[in-house]
N, C-alpha and C. Protein backbone atom coordinates (compact mmCIF):
# COMPACT_ATOMS: atom_id res chain seq x y z
N MET A 1 105.64 -184.05 -90.77
CA MET A 1 106.22 -182.70 -90.63
C MET A 1 106.38 -182.38 -89.31
N VAL A 2 105.09 -182.58 -88.51
CA VAL A 2 105.06 -182.40 -87.28
C VAL A 2 105.93 -183.06 -86.38
N LEU A 3 106.36 -184.35 -86.61
CA LEU A 3 107.24 -185.12 -85.95
C LEU A 3 108.71 -184.50 -86.07
N VAL A 4 109.12 -184.09 -87.15
CA VAL A 4 110.16 -183.28 -87.46
C VAL A 4 110.37 -182.32 -86.57
N ILE A 5 109.61 -181.45 -86.47
CA ILE A 5 109.61 -180.20 -85.84
C ILE A 5 109.70 -180.65 -84.23
N LEU A 6 108.76 -181.70 -83.79
CA LEU A 6 108.84 -181.99 -82.41
C LEU A 6 110.42 -182.41 -82.19
N CYS A 7 111.00 -183.30 -83.02
CA CYS A 7 112.28 -183.81 -82.87
C CYS A 7 113.16 -182.77 -82.42
N LEU A 8 113.24 -181.68 -83.44
CA LEU A 8 114.12 -180.45 -83.41
C LEU A 8 113.71 -179.72 -82.13
N ALA A 9 112.68 -179.68 -81.71
CA ALA A 9 112.34 -178.74 -80.42
C ALA A 9 112.57 -179.39 -79.39
N PHE A 10 112.76 -180.63 -79.19
CA PHE A 10 113.01 -181.45 -77.97
C PHE A 10 114.02 -182.43 -78.16
N PRO A 11 115.21 -181.95 -78.31
CA PRO A 11 116.62 -182.73 -78.53
C PRO A 11 116.59 -183.77 -77.13
N VAL A 12 117.03 -184.99 -77.57
CA VAL A 12 117.32 -185.97 -76.42
C VAL A 12 118.62 -186.67 -77.20
N SER A 13 118.98 -187.70 -76.43
CA SER A 13 120.20 -188.53 -76.97
C SER A 13 119.55 -189.63 -77.88
N ALA A 14 120.31 -189.86 -78.82
CA ALA A 14 119.85 -191.03 -79.98
C ALA A 14 120.04 -192.38 -79.16
N LYS A 15 121.03 -192.41 -78.30
CA LYS A 15 121.31 -193.81 -77.70
C LYS A 15 121.43 -193.60 -76.00
N SER A 16 120.63 -194.52 -75.52
CA SER A 16 120.62 -194.53 -74.10
C SER A 16 121.91 -194.78 -73.46
N PRO A 17 122.30 -194.19 -72.46
CA PRO A 17 123.63 -194.55 -71.59
C PRO A 17 123.76 -196.05 -71.24
N ASN A 18 125.01 -196.51 -71.47
CA ASN A 18 125.35 -197.85 -70.83
C ASN A 18 125.75 -197.60 -69.52
N GLU A 19 126.36 -198.71 -68.79
CA GLU A 19 126.32 -198.76 -67.33
C GLU A 19 127.39 -197.84 -67.00
N LEU A 20 128.41 -197.82 -67.73
CA LEU A 20 129.65 -196.72 -67.37
C LEU A 20 129.22 -195.30 -67.56
N GLU A 21 128.61 -194.99 -68.63
CA GLU A 21 128.15 -193.60 -68.90
C GLU A 21 127.10 -193.36 -67.74
N LEU A 22 126.25 -194.13 -67.41
CA LEU A 22 125.21 -193.78 -66.46
C LEU A 22 125.93 -193.48 -65.16
N ALA A 23 126.93 -194.34 -64.83
CA ALA A 23 127.78 -194.15 -63.30
C ALA A 23 128.39 -192.97 -63.28
N ALA A 24 128.69 -192.38 -64.59
CA ALA A 24 129.54 -191.15 -64.72
C ALA A 24 128.67 -189.75 -64.34
N LEU A 25 127.36 -190.09 -64.55
CA LEU A 25 126.45 -188.97 -64.23
C LEU A 25 126.12 -188.58 -62.93
N PRO A 26 125.70 -187.50 -62.72
CA PRO A 26 125.26 -186.98 -61.06
C PRO A 26 124.19 -188.10 -60.99
N GLU A 27 123.98 -188.37 -59.59
CA GLU A 27 123.16 -189.15 -58.85
C GLU A 27 121.69 -188.74 -59.29
N TYR A 28 121.28 -187.57 -59.37
CA TYR A 28 119.89 -187.19 -59.76
C TYR A 28 119.62 -187.30 -61.40
N CYS A 29 120.59 -187.43 -62.09
CA CYS A 29 120.50 -187.96 -63.52
C CYS A 29 120.27 -189.46 -63.56
N GLN A 30 121.06 -190.07 -62.71
CA GLN A 30 120.74 -191.55 -62.72
C GLN A 30 119.46 -191.96 -62.33
N VAL A 31 118.87 -191.18 -61.58
CA VAL A 31 117.58 -191.48 -60.90
C VAL A 31 116.47 -190.92 -62.13
N LYS A 32 116.86 -190.11 -62.73
CA LYS A 32 115.72 -189.40 -63.60
C LYS A 32 115.76 -190.44 -64.96
N LEU A 33 116.79 -190.92 -65.41
CA LEU A 33 117.05 -191.71 -66.56
C LEU A 33 116.71 -193.09 -66.29
N GLN A 34 116.67 -193.53 -65.06
CA GLN A 34 116.14 -195.00 -64.65
C GLN A 34 114.73 -194.97 -64.09
N PHE A 35 114.11 -193.78 -64.01
CA PHE A 35 112.72 -193.75 -63.66
C PHE A 35 112.55 -194.25 -62.15
N THR A 36 113.40 -194.10 -61.30
CA THR A 36 113.36 -194.50 -59.84
C THR A 36 113.65 -193.45 -58.98
N GLY A 37 112.84 -193.46 -57.75
CA GLY A 37 113.13 -192.59 -56.68
C GLY A 37 113.10 -191.18 -56.96
N SER A 38 112.07 -190.58 -57.71
CA SER A 38 112.11 -189.19 -58.27
C SER A 38 111.65 -188.21 -57.05
N GLU A 39 110.82 -188.81 -55.94
CA GLU A 39 110.37 -187.97 -55.03
C GLU A 39 111.39 -186.97 -54.31
N LYS A 40 112.56 -187.65 -54.05
CA LYS A 40 113.53 -186.98 -53.26
C LYS A 40 114.12 -185.74 -54.11
N TRP A 41 114.42 -186.03 -55.20
CA TRP A 41 114.99 -185.21 -56.28
C TRP A 41 114.09 -184.24 -56.77
N GLU A 42 112.98 -184.46 -56.93
CA GLU A 42 111.85 -183.45 -57.39
C GLU A 42 111.73 -182.40 -56.36
N SER A 43 111.60 -182.84 -55.14
CA SER A 43 111.51 -182.01 -53.83
C SER A 43 112.80 -181.19 -53.62
N LEU A 44 113.91 -181.64 -54.07
CA LEU A 44 115.27 -180.76 -53.90
C LEU A 44 115.50 -179.82 -54.95
N LEU A 45 115.12 -180.31 -56.21
CA LEU A 45 115.27 -179.46 -57.36
C LEU A 45 114.25 -178.61 -57.61
N GLY A 46 113.03 -179.08 -57.44
CA GLY A 46 111.91 -178.23 -57.95
C GLY A 46 111.21 -178.82 -58.91
N ARG A 47 109.83 -178.65 -58.96
CA ARG A 47 109.11 -179.53 -60.14
C ARG A 47 109.43 -179.10 -61.52
N LYS A 48 109.56 -177.91 -61.65
CA LYS A 48 109.90 -177.43 -63.17
C LYS A 48 111.33 -177.90 -63.52
N THR A 49 112.32 -177.85 -62.79
CA THR A 49 113.60 -178.23 -62.91
C THR A 49 113.59 -179.89 -63.18
N TRP A 50 112.77 -180.59 -62.42
CA TRP A 50 112.85 -181.94 -62.59
C TRP A 50 112.12 -182.34 -63.67
N LEU A 51 111.06 -181.54 -64.07
CA LEU A 51 110.29 -182.15 -65.37
C LEU A 51 111.05 -182.34 -66.46
N HIS A 52 112.04 -181.13 -66.64
CA HIS A 52 113.02 -181.03 -67.96
C HIS A 52 114.37 -181.63 -67.66
N LEU A 53 114.53 -182.27 -66.52
CA LEU A 53 115.92 -182.64 -66.15
C LEU A 53 116.40 -183.69 -67.06
N HIS A 54 115.58 -184.51 -67.73
CA HIS A 54 116.32 -185.49 -68.81
C HIS A 54 117.13 -184.81 -69.76
N HIS A 55 116.56 -183.55 -70.07
CA HIS A 55 117.54 -182.91 -71.28
C HIS A 55 118.68 -182.44 -70.76
N TYR A 56 118.73 -181.97 -69.43
CA TYR A 56 119.99 -181.67 -69.00
C TYR A 56 121.08 -183.00 -68.94
N CYS A 57 120.36 -184.09 -68.41
CA CYS A 57 121.22 -185.19 -68.26
C CYS A 57 121.59 -185.64 -69.69
N TYR A 58 120.88 -185.75 -70.54
CA TYR A 58 121.26 -186.26 -71.77
C TYR A 58 122.41 -185.21 -72.41
N GLY A 59 122.15 -183.98 -72.22
CA GLY A 59 123.22 -183.11 -72.55
C GLY A 59 124.53 -183.26 -72.01
N VAL A 60 124.50 -183.55 -70.71
CA VAL A 60 125.95 -184.07 -69.93
C VAL A 60 126.43 -185.28 -70.52
N LEU A 61 125.40 -186.27 -70.82
CA LEU A 61 125.78 -187.59 -71.32
C LEU A 61 126.68 -187.44 -72.76
N GLU A 62 126.05 -186.45 -73.71
CA GLU A 62 126.57 -186.04 -74.92
C GLU A 62 127.71 -185.40 -74.87
N PHE A 63 127.86 -184.45 -73.73
CA PHE A 63 129.06 -183.67 -73.53
C PHE A 63 130.32 -184.64 -73.25
N ASN A 64 130.04 -185.74 -72.42
CA ASN A 64 130.92 -186.78 -71.95
C ASN A 64 131.54 -187.53 -73.16
N ARG A 65 130.34 -187.65 -73.95
CA ARG A 65 130.76 -188.60 -75.34
C ARG A 65 131.77 -187.61 -76.11
N ALA A 66 131.38 -186.52 -76.34
CA ALA A 66 132.04 -185.67 -77.18
C ALA A 66 133.39 -185.55 -76.66
N SER A 67 133.60 -185.28 -75.38
CA SER A 67 135.05 -185.31 -74.78
C SER A 67 135.90 -186.32 -74.89
N MET A 68 135.21 -187.65 -75.14
CA MET A 68 136.02 -188.72 -75.16
C MET A 68 136.27 -189.12 -76.80
N GLN A 69 135.52 -188.49 -77.76
CA GLN A 69 135.46 -188.78 -79.25
C GLN A 69 136.84 -188.06 -79.99
N MET A 70 137.36 -189.02 -80.60
CA MET A 70 138.62 -188.47 -81.38
C MET A 70 138.22 -188.05 -82.76
N ASP A 71 137.07 -188.70 -83.38
CA ASP A 71 136.77 -188.29 -84.67
C ASP A 71 136.08 -187.11 -84.56
N SER A 72 136.34 -186.19 -85.47
CA SER A 72 135.88 -184.90 -85.53
C SER A 72 134.48 -184.77 -85.83
N PHE A 73 133.94 -185.63 -86.83
CA PHE A 73 132.61 -185.48 -87.21
C PHE A 73 131.63 -186.11 -86.05
N LYS A 74 132.10 -187.24 -85.50
CA LYS A 74 131.27 -187.84 -84.43
C LYS A 74 131.33 -186.91 -83.25
N ARG A 75 132.61 -186.23 -82.91
CA ARG A 75 132.67 -185.37 -81.64
C ARG A 75 131.49 -183.98 -82.04
N SER A 76 131.62 -183.61 -83.17
CA SER A 76 130.86 -182.59 -83.57
C SER A 76 129.23 -182.92 -83.52
N HIS A 77 128.92 -184.11 -83.74
CA HIS A 77 127.51 -184.45 -83.67
C HIS A 77 127.12 -184.78 -82.20
N HIS A 78 128.26 -184.99 -81.21
CA HIS A 78 127.74 -185.32 -79.74
C HIS A 78 127.72 -183.64 -79.13
N VAL A 79 128.59 -182.74 -79.77
CA VAL A 79 128.52 -181.42 -79.24
C VAL A 79 127.18 -180.84 -79.53
N ASN A 80 126.86 -180.96 -80.91
CA ASN A 80 125.52 -180.49 -81.28
C ASN A 80 124.34 -180.88 -80.34
N ARG A 81 124.42 -182.25 -80.12
CA ARG A 81 123.14 -182.84 -79.35
C ARG A 81 123.38 -182.35 -78.01
N ALA A 82 124.48 -182.11 -77.44
CA ALA A 82 124.63 -181.77 -75.94
C ALA A 82 124.14 -180.17 -75.87
N LEU A 83 124.61 -179.47 -76.87
CA LEU A 83 124.28 -178.15 -76.95
C LEU A 83 122.90 -177.75 -76.95
N GLN A 84 122.13 -178.44 -78.01
CA GLN A 84 120.65 -178.31 -77.94
C GLN A 84 119.81 -178.68 -76.77
N ASN A 85 120.17 -179.65 -76.03
CA ASN A 85 119.79 -179.95 -74.80
C ASN A 85 120.10 -178.93 -73.67
N MET A 86 121.09 -178.40 -73.76
CA MET A 86 121.41 -177.33 -72.67
C MET A 86 120.64 -176.02 -73.19
N LEU A 87 120.54 -175.63 -74.34
CA LEU A 87 119.65 -174.74 -74.71
C LEU A 87 118.25 -174.87 -74.23
N TYR A 88 117.68 -176.26 -74.32
CA TYR A 88 116.39 -176.44 -74.15
C TYR A 88 116.24 -176.17 -72.65
N VAL A 89 117.06 -176.70 -71.72
CA VAL A 89 116.88 -176.47 -70.37
C VAL A 89 117.09 -174.99 -69.91
N LEU A 90 117.91 -174.34 -70.49
CA LEU A 90 117.95 -172.72 -70.22
C LEU A 90 116.61 -171.95 -70.61
N ARG A 91 116.05 -172.53 -71.77
CA ARG A 91 114.66 -171.89 -72.09
C ARG A 91 113.68 -172.33 -71.15
N ASN A 92 113.71 -173.55 -70.65
CA ASN A 92 112.57 -174.02 -69.79
C ASN A 92 112.75 -173.99 -68.36
N TRP A 93 113.85 -173.82 -67.95
CA TRP A 93 114.12 -173.91 -66.45
C TRP A 93 113.93 -172.64 -65.85
N PRO A 94 113.38 -172.39 -64.60
CA PRO A 94 113.39 -171.20 -64.04
C PRO A 94 114.91 -170.69 -63.75
N SER A 95 115.26 -169.33 -64.06
CA SER A 95 116.57 -168.89 -63.84
C SER A 95 117.26 -169.13 -62.42
N ASP A 96 116.23 -169.27 -61.48
CA ASP A 96 116.86 -169.50 -60.20
C ASP A 96 117.05 -170.89 -59.69
N SER A 97 116.81 -171.91 -60.67
CA SER A 97 117.03 -173.35 -60.53
C SER A 97 118.44 -173.46 -60.21
N GLN A 98 118.77 -174.47 -59.19
CA GLN A 98 120.06 -174.73 -58.79
C GLN A 98 120.94 -175.23 -59.71
N LEU A 99 120.36 -175.73 -60.70
CA LEU A 99 121.37 -176.28 -61.84
C LEU A 99 121.50 -175.34 -63.03
N TYR A 100 120.83 -174.28 -63.10
CA TYR A 100 120.74 -173.37 -64.15
C TYR A 100 122.28 -173.06 -64.46
N PRO A 101 122.98 -172.45 -63.45
CA PRO A 101 124.43 -172.03 -63.51
C PRO A 101 125.23 -173.21 -64.17
N GLN A 102 125.01 -174.36 -63.87
CA GLN A 102 125.79 -175.56 -64.48
C GLN A 102 125.51 -175.67 -65.88
N ALA A 103 124.16 -175.62 -66.28
CA ALA A 103 123.78 -175.70 -67.83
C ALA A 103 124.29 -174.54 -68.47
N GLN A 104 124.58 -173.37 -68.01
CA GLN A 104 125.02 -172.04 -68.47
C GLN A 104 126.61 -172.34 -68.66
N MET A 105 127.17 -173.07 -67.98
CA MET A 105 128.57 -173.35 -67.85
C MET A 105 128.76 -174.42 -69.09
N TYR A 106 128.17 -175.55 -69.16
CA TYR A 106 127.97 -176.51 -70.05
C TYR A 106 128.01 -175.76 -71.54
N LYS A 107 127.02 -174.92 -71.49
CA LYS A 107 126.64 -174.18 -72.74
C LYS A 107 127.95 -173.59 -73.28
N VAL A 108 128.62 -172.70 -72.46
CA VAL A 108 129.82 -172.02 -72.88
C VAL A 108 130.95 -173.07 -73.45
N TYR A 109 131.12 -174.37 -72.48
CA TYR A 109 132.08 -175.19 -72.93
C TYR A 109 131.80 -175.67 -74.29
N LEU A 110 130.62 -175.97 -74.52
CA LEU A 110 130.31 -176.73 -75.78
C LEU A 110 130.32 -175.70 -77.06
N GLU A 111 130.06 -174.51 -76.69
CA GLU A 111 130.27 -173.40 -77.90
C GLU A 111 131.65 -173.47 -78.28
N GLY A 112 132.62 -173.63 -77.29
CA GLY A 112 134.02 -173.50 -77.64
C GLY A 112 134.80 -174.92 -78.08
N MET A 113 133.95 -175.88 -78.16
CA MET A 113 134.32 -177.17 -78.65
C MET A 113 134.53 -177.30 -80.06
C-alpha cells in the first residue's frame, strides 16, 4: 500500500530515454538524467530546483513522447505522466525558480492535449 502511494506521489517515466530522446532534452536534463557534472547546473538553477529537476525532465520527455504519438490511448498515457511530473515540480519548486514559468507553460499545454 505504501509503495502505491509513493508511486502516485512521485511520478517519473516508466521508460528511460533513448539516445535521441535524451539529445532532444535541454543540457541540464541530460546532465541530471545521466548523473554527471551536476555542480554547474545545481549552482545555476539552485539547490531546490536541482533536487526535483528529474521530475521536470521526465515531464518534458513524456511531453515529447505524447507529441509524437498517434495512438490516442498511448498519447493520453504520456500526457498524464508528463502532467503529473509538471504538477510535482510546481508544488515543490520555489516560485522564483528560473524554470518555474516553463513548467507552468508545459502544464497549460498538457491540459489542452
